[in-house]
Amino acid sequence: MSMIETLSDVNNTFLSRREITCTFKGLGGKLKKLEAVDMISKQFKLDGKVVIPINMKNHSGRPEITGVFYIYDDEGLAKRQVNPVIFTRLDKAKAANAPPPETKEEPAA
C-alpha cells in the first residue's frame, strides 16, 4: 500500500498543465512542500517537469495531508500563470534547505 493516494489527475489543456490532487497517508504535520514535490515527482515519473505545490491541507484528527499540485512542461508558462508569491516561498524554502557555502578563513597575522 502506497502512502500517496491519488484523488484526481486532470490534464487541463486550456491552461497547458496537469493538475494532481492526492492524499499523503500518515504524514500529517511532518511533510514539507519540497518533500511532497519530490514524492510526487517520483510517484508519477515527472523528471524534467516543473512541479508546483499549490495547496497542502492538514486534516484535523487524521494523520493525512491533501495536496494540490500543478505540473508544467515550461517554467516560463508556470511563472505567467501562478502567483509569484508561491515561487518566492519555494525559493526561500530551497535556500533554507541548501547547505551553507564553505568559506575559507585566513589565519590572523
N, C-alpha and C. Protein backbone atom coordinates (compact mmCIF):
# COMPACT_ATOMS: atom_id res chain seq x y z
N MET A 1 0.84 -1.19 0.00
CA MET A 1 0.00 0.00 0.00
C MET A 1 0.88 1.24 0.00
N SER A 2 0.57 2.15 -0.88
CA SER A 2 1.35 3.37 -1.03
C SER A 2 0.89 4.44 -0.05
N MET A 3 1.81 5.32 0.31
CA MET A 3 1.45 6.44 1.18
C MET A 3 0.70 7.51 0.41
N ILE A 4 0.82 7.50 -0.92
CA ILE A 4 0.18 8.52 -1.75
C ILE A 4 -1.04 7.90 -2.42
N GLU A 5 -2.19 8.52 -2.18
CA GLU A 5 -3.44 8.09 -2.81
C GLU A 5 -3.91 9.21 -3.73
N THR A 6 -4.04 8.93 -5.02
CA THR A 6 -4.45 9.94 -5.99
C THR A 6 -5.96 10.13 -5.95
N LEU A 7 -6.39 11.36 -5.69
CA LEU A 7 -7.82 11.68 -5.69
C LEU A 7 -8.29 12.11 -7.07
N SER A 8 -7.48 12.92 -7.75
CA SER A 8 -7.80 13.29 -9.13
C SER A 8 -6.52 13.61 -9.88
N ASP A 9 -6.53 13.32 -11.16
CA ASP A 9 -5.42 13.59 -12.05
C ASP A 9 -6.02 14.10 -13.35
N VAL A 10 -5.97 15.43 -13.53
CA VAL A 10 -6.65 16.07 -14.65
C VAL A 10 -5.63 16.74 -15.56
N ASN A 11 -5.78 16.55 -16.86
CA ASN A 11 -4.95 17.24 -17.82
C ASN A 11 -5.72 18.47 -18.31
N ASN A 12 -5.33 19.65 -17.85
CA ASN A 12 -6.00 20.90 -18.19
C ASN A 12 -5.38 21.44 -19.47
N THR A 13 -5.97 21.15 -20.62
CA THR A 13 -5.41 21.57 -21.89
C THR A 13 -5.57 23.07 -22.13
N PHE A 14 -6.57 23.67 -21.54
CA PHE A 14 -6.78 25.11 -21.69
C PHE A 14 -5.61 25.90 -21.11
N LEU A 15 -5.12 25.48 -19.95
CA LEU A 15 -4.00 26.17 -19.30
C LEU A 15 -2.67 25.45 -19.50
N SER A 16 -2.65 24.40 -20.30
CA SER A 16 -1.43 23.64 -20.62
C SER A 16 -0.71 23.14 -19.37
N ARG A 17 -1.46 22.52 -18.48
CA ARG A 17 -0.87 21.96 -17.27
C ARG A 17 -1.64 20.72 -16.85
N ARG A 18 -1.00 19.96 -15.97
CA ARG A 18 -1.62 18.78 -15.37
C ARG A 18 -1.87 19.11 -13.91
N GLU A 19 -3.05 18.79 -13.41
CA GLU A 19 -3.42 19.10 -12.03
C GLU A 19 -3.65 17.80 -11.27
N ILE A 20 -2.85 17.59 -10.24
CA ILE A 20 -2.94 16.36 -9.45
C ILE A 20 -3.36 16.72 -8.03
N THR A 21 -4.39 16.04 -7.54
CA THR A 21 -4.81 16.17 -6.15
C THR A 21 -4.63 14.80 -5.52
N CYS A 22 -3.88 14.76 -4.41
CA CYS A 22 -3.63 13.48 -3.78
C CYS A 22 -3.57 13.62 -2.26
N THR A 23 -3.66 12.49 -1.59
CA THR A 23 -3.62 12.43 -0.14
C THR A 23 -2.37 11.67 0.28
N PHE A 24 -1.65 12.24 1.25
CA PHE A 24 -0.48 11.60 1.83
C PHE A 24 -0.91 10.99 3.17
N LYS A 25 -0.93 9.68 3.26
CA LYS A 25 -1.39 8.99 4.46
C LYS A 25 -0.27 8.90 5.50
N GLY A 26 -0.61 9.19 6.75
CA GLY A 26 0.32 9.03 7.86
C GLY A 26 1.41 10.08 7.97
N LEU A 27 1.29 11.17 7.25
CA LEU A 27 2.34 12.18 7.28
C LEU A 27 1.84 13.54 7.78
N GLY A 28 0.70 13.55 8.45
CA GLY A 28 0.12 14.81 8.93
C GLY A 28 1.05 15.55 9.86
N GLY A 29 1.38 16.78 9.53
CA GLY A 29 2.23 17.62 10.36
C GLY A 29 3.71 17.37 10.18
N LYS A 30 4.11 16.42 9.34
CA LYS A 30 5.52 16.07 9.16
C LYS A 30 6.04 16.40 7.77
N LEU A 31 5.16 16.55 6.81
CA LEU A 31 5.55 16.67 5.42
C LEU A 31 5.73 18.14 5.03
N LYS A 32 6.87 18.44 4.39
CA LYS A 32 7.13 19.78 3.89
C LYS A 32 6.84 19.80 2.39
N LYS A 33 6.64 21.00 1.86
CA LYS A 33 6.26 21.13 0.45
C LYS A 33 7.31 20.55 -0.49
N LEU A 34 8.57 20.82 -0.24
CA LEU A 34 9.61 20.32 -1.14
C LEU A 34 9.71 18.80 -1.08
N GLU A 35 9.48 18.22 0.09
CA GLU A 35 9.47 16.76 0.21
C GLU A 35 8.28 16.18 -0.56
N ALA A 36 7.15 16.85 -0.49
CA ALA A 36 5.97 16.40 -1.22
C ALA A 36 6.21 16.46 -2.73
N VAL A 37 6.88 17.52 -3.19
CA VAL A 37 7.20 17.64 -4.62
C VAL A 37 8.09 16.49 -5.06
N ASP A 38 9.09 16.13 -4.24
CA ASP A 38 9.96 15.01 -4.58
C ASP A 38 9.18 13.70 -4.64
N MET A 39 8.27 13.50 -3.69
CA MET A 39 7.47 12.27 -3.67
C MET A 39 6.57 12.18 -4.90
N ILE A 40 5.94 13.30 -5.26
CA ILE A 40 5.06 13.33 -6.43
C ILE A 40 5.86 13.09 -7.71
N SER A 41 7.03 13.72 -7.80
CA SER A 41 7.87 13.55 -8.98
C SER A 41 8.28 12.09 -9.18
N LYS A 42 8.61 11.41 -8.09
CA LYS A 42 9.00 10.00 -8.18
C LYS A 42 7.79 9.11 -8.48
N GLN A 43 6.66 9.39 -7.83
CA GLN A 43 5.47 8.56 -7.99
C GLN A 43 4.94 8.60 -9.44
N PHE A 44 4.91 9.81 -10.02
CA PHE A 44 4.34 9.98 -11.36
C PHE A 44 5.40 10.09 -12.45
N LYS A 45 6.68 9.91 -12.11
CA LYS A 45 7.80 9.96 -13.06
C LYS A 45 7.79 11.28 -13.84
N LEU A 46 7.95 12.39 -13.11
CA LEU A 46 7.87 13.73 -13.69
C LEU A 46 9.24 14.39 -13.81
N ASP A 47 10.25 13.63 -14.22
CA ASP A 47 11.59 14.18 -14.35
C ASP A 47 11.60 15.23 -15.47
N GLY A 48 12.21 16.38 -15.18
CA GLY A 48 12.32 17.45 -16.18
C GLY A 48 11.12 18.35 -16.26
N LYS A 49 10.12 18.14 -15.43
CA LYS A 49 8.93 18.98 -15.43
C LYS A 49 8.92 19.86 -14.20
N VAL A 50 8.17 20.94 -14.26
CA VAL A 50 8.07 21.87 -13.15
C VAL A 50 6.85 21.47 -12.32
N VAL A 51 7.09 21.06 -11.07
CA VAL A 51 6.02 20.65 -10.16
C VAL A 51 5.87 21.74 -9.11
N ILE A 52 4.65 22.31 -9.01
CA ILE A 52 4.40 23.41 -8.07
C ILE A 52 3.35 22.97 -7.06
N PRO A 53 3.70 22.98 -5.77
CA PRO A 53 2.69 22.68 -4.74
C PRO A 53 1.81 23.90 -4.54
N ILE A 54 0.55 23.79 -4.84
CA ILE A 54 -0.37 24.92 -4.74
C ILE A 54 -1.01 24.99 -3.36
N ASN A 55 -1.49 23.86 -2.87
CA ASN A 55 -2.20 23.85 -1.60
C ASN A 55 -1.91 22.53 -0.89
N MET A 56 -1.58 22.62 0.40
CA MET A 56 -1.42 21.42 1.21
C MET A 56 -2.21 21.63 2.49
N LYS A 57 -3.17 20.75 2.72
CA LYS A 57 -4.10 20.92 3.83
C LYS A 57 -4.01 19.74 4.79
N ASN A 58 -3.77 20.03 6.07
CA ASN A 58 -3.80 19.01 7.11
C ASN A 58 -5.24 18.78 7.54
N HIS A 59 -5.56 17.55 7.88
CA HIS A 59 -6.90 17.21 8.32
C HIS A 59 -6.91 17.03 9.84
N SER A 60 -7.85 17.67 10.49
CA SER A 60 -7.96 17.60 11.94
C SER A 60 -8.39 16.21 12.37
N GLY A 61 -7.63 15.62 13.29
CA GLY A 61 -7.98 14.32 13.83
C GLY A 61 -7.52 13.15 13.00
N ARG A 62 -6.91 13.40 11.85
CA ARG A 62 -6.42 12.33 10.98
C ARG A 62 -4.99 12.65 10.55
N PRO A 63 -4.12 11.69 10.54
CA PRO A 63 -2.72 11.96 10.16
C PRO A 63 -2.53 11.93 8.64
N GLU A 64 -3.22 12.79 7.93
CA GLU A 64 -3.08 12.82 6.48
C GLU A 64 -3.11 14.26 5.97
N ILE A 65 -2.54 14.43 4.80
CA ILE A 65 -2.46 15.74 4.16
C ILE A 65 -3.00 15.59 2.75
N THR A 66 -3.84 16.54 2.33
CA THR A 66 -4.32 16.59 0.96
C THR A 66 -3.58 17.71 0.25
N GLY A 67 -2.98 17.39 -0.88
CA GLY A 67 -2.19 18.36 -1.62
C GLY A 67 -2.67 18.51 -3.05
N VAL A 68 -2.56 19.75 -3.56
CA VAL A 68 -2.87 20.05 -4.96
C VAL A 68 -1.57 20.51 -5.62
N PHE A 69 -1.24 19.89 -6.75
CA PHE A 69 0.00 20.17 -7.45
C PHE A 69 -0.30 20.47 -8.91
N TYR A 70 0.40 21.48 -9.45
CA TYR A 70 0.33 21.80 -10.87
C TYR A 70 1.64 21.37 -11.50
N ILE A 71 1.56 20.69 -12.65
CA ILE A 71 2.75 20.24 -13.35
C ILE A 71 2.77 20.91 -14.71
N TYR A 72 3.87 21.64 -14.96
CA TYR A 72 4.06 22.35 -16.22
C TYR A 72 5.26 21.76 -16.95
N ASP A 73 5.23 21.85 -18.28
CA ASP A 73 6.39 21.48 -19.09
C ASP A 73 7.38 22.63 -19.18
N ASP A 74 6.88 23.86 -19.11
CA ASP A 74 7.70 25.05 -19.29
C ASP A 74 7.62 25.94 -18.05
N GLU A 75 8.77 26.32 -17.50
CA GLU A 75 8.79 27.16 -16.29
C GLU A 75 8.29 28.57 -16.59
N GLY A 76 8.54 29.08 -17.79
CA GLY A 76 8.07 30.42 -18.15
C GLY A 76 6.55 30.50 -18.14
N LEU A 77 5.89 29.48 -18.65
CA LEU A 77 4.43 29.43 -18.64
C LEU A 77 3.91 29.36 -17.21
N ALA A 78 4.59 28.61 -16.37
CA ALA A 78 4.19 28.49 -14.96
C ALA A 78 4.30 29.84 -14.27
N LYS A 79 5.36 30.58 -14.53
CA LYS A 79 5.55 31.88 -13.88
C LYS A 79 4.53 32.91 -14.35
N ARG A 80 4.01 32.75 -15.56
CA ARG A 80 2.98 33.67 -16.05
C ARG A 80 1.61 33.37 -15.42
N GLN A 81 1.35 32.10 -15.11
CA GLN A 81 0.02 31.71 -14.64
C GLN A 81 -0.12 31.66 -13.13
N VAL A 82 0.93 31.31 -12.42
CA VAL A 82 0.85 31.10 -10.98
C VAL A 82 1.30 32.36 -10.26
N ASN A 83 0.68 32.60 -9.11
CA ASN A 83 1.00 33.76 -8.28
C ASN A 83 2.50 33.79 -7.95
N PRO A 84 3.17 34.93 -8.17
CA PRO A 84 4.61 35.00 -7.92
C PRO A 84 5.00 34.76 -6.46
N VAL A 85 4.08 34.95 -5.54
CA VAL A 85 4.37 34.72 -4.12
C VAL A 85 4.69 33.24 -3.88
N ILE A 86 4.05 32.35 -4.61
CA ILE A 86 4.31 30.92 -4.46
C ILE A 86 5.75 30.60 -4.84
N PHE A 87 6.25 31.20 -5.92
CA PHE A 87 7.63 30.98 -6.33
C PHE A 87 8.61 31.56 -5.32
N THR A 88 8.26 32.71 -4.75
CA THR A 88 9.11 33.32 -3.73
C THR A 88 9.23 32.42 -2.51
N ARG A 89 8.12 31.84 -2.08
CA ARG A 89 8.14 30.95 -0.92
C ARG A 89 8.92 29.67 -1.21
N LEU A 90 8.78 29.13 -2.43
CA LEU A 90 9.52 27.93 -2.79
C LEU A 90 11.02 28.21 -2.83
N ASP A 91 11.42 29.35 -3.39
CA ASP A 91 12.83 29.71 -3.43
C ASP A 91 13.39 29.88 -2.03
N LYS A 92 12.59 30.46 -1.14
CA LYS A 92 13.01 30.66 0.25
C LYS A 92 13.20 29.30 0.94
N ALA A 93 12.30 28.36 0.69
CA ALA A 93 12.41 27.03 1.30
C ALA A 93 13.62 26.28 0.74
N LYS A 94 13.90 26.44 -0.56
CA LYS A 94 15.06 25.78 -1.16
C LYS A 94 16.35 26.34 -0.57
N ALA A 95 16.37 27.65 -0.36
CA ALA A 95 17.56 28.28 0.21
C ALA A 95 17.79 27.83 1.65
N ALA A 96 16.72 27.62 2.40
CA ALA A 96 16.84 27.17 3.79
C ALA A 96 17.34 25.73 3.87
N ASN A 97 16.99 24.90 2.89
CA ASN A 97 17.41 23.51 2.88
C ASN A 97 18.80 23.31 2.31
N ALA A 98 19.30 24.28 1.55
CA ALA A 98 20.62 24.15 0.93
C ALA A 98 21.71 24.27 1.99
N PRO A 99 22.77 23.49 1.84
CA PRO A 99 23.87 23.60 2.81
C PRO A 99 24.57 24.95 2.66
N PRO A 100 25.03 25.51 3.76
CA PRO A 100 25.70 26.82 3.67
C PRO A 100 27.01 26.68 2.90
N PRO A 101 27.36 27.71 2.12
CA PRO A 101 28.61 27.63 1.36
C PRO A 101 29.82 27.65 2.31
N GLU A 102 30.81 26.86 1.96
CA GLU A 102 32.00 26.78 2.80
C GLU A 102 32.87 27.99 2.51
N THR A 103 33.32 28.63 3.56
CA THR A 103 34.20 29.78 3.42
C THR A 103 35.55 29.44 4.03
N LYS A 104 36.59 29.90 3.39
CA LYS A 104 37.94 29.66 3.91
C LYS A 104 38.36 30.88 4.71
N GLU A 105 38.72 30.62 5.94
CA GLU A 105 39.16 31.70 6.79
C GLU A 105 40.68 31.79 6.73
N GLU A 106 41.17 33.00 6.59
CA GLU A 106 42.60 33.20 6.56
C GLU A 106 43.11 33.36 7.99
N PRO A 107 44.25 32.80 8.29
CA PRO A 107 44.78 32.91 9.66
C PRO A 107 45.13 34.36 9.99
N ALA A 108 44.89 34.72 11.22
CA ALA A 108 45.19 36.08 11.65
C ALA A 108 46.70 36.25 11.77
N ALA A 109 47.16 37.41 11.37
CA ALA A 109 48.61 37.66 11.40
C ALA A 109 49.07 38.19 12.72
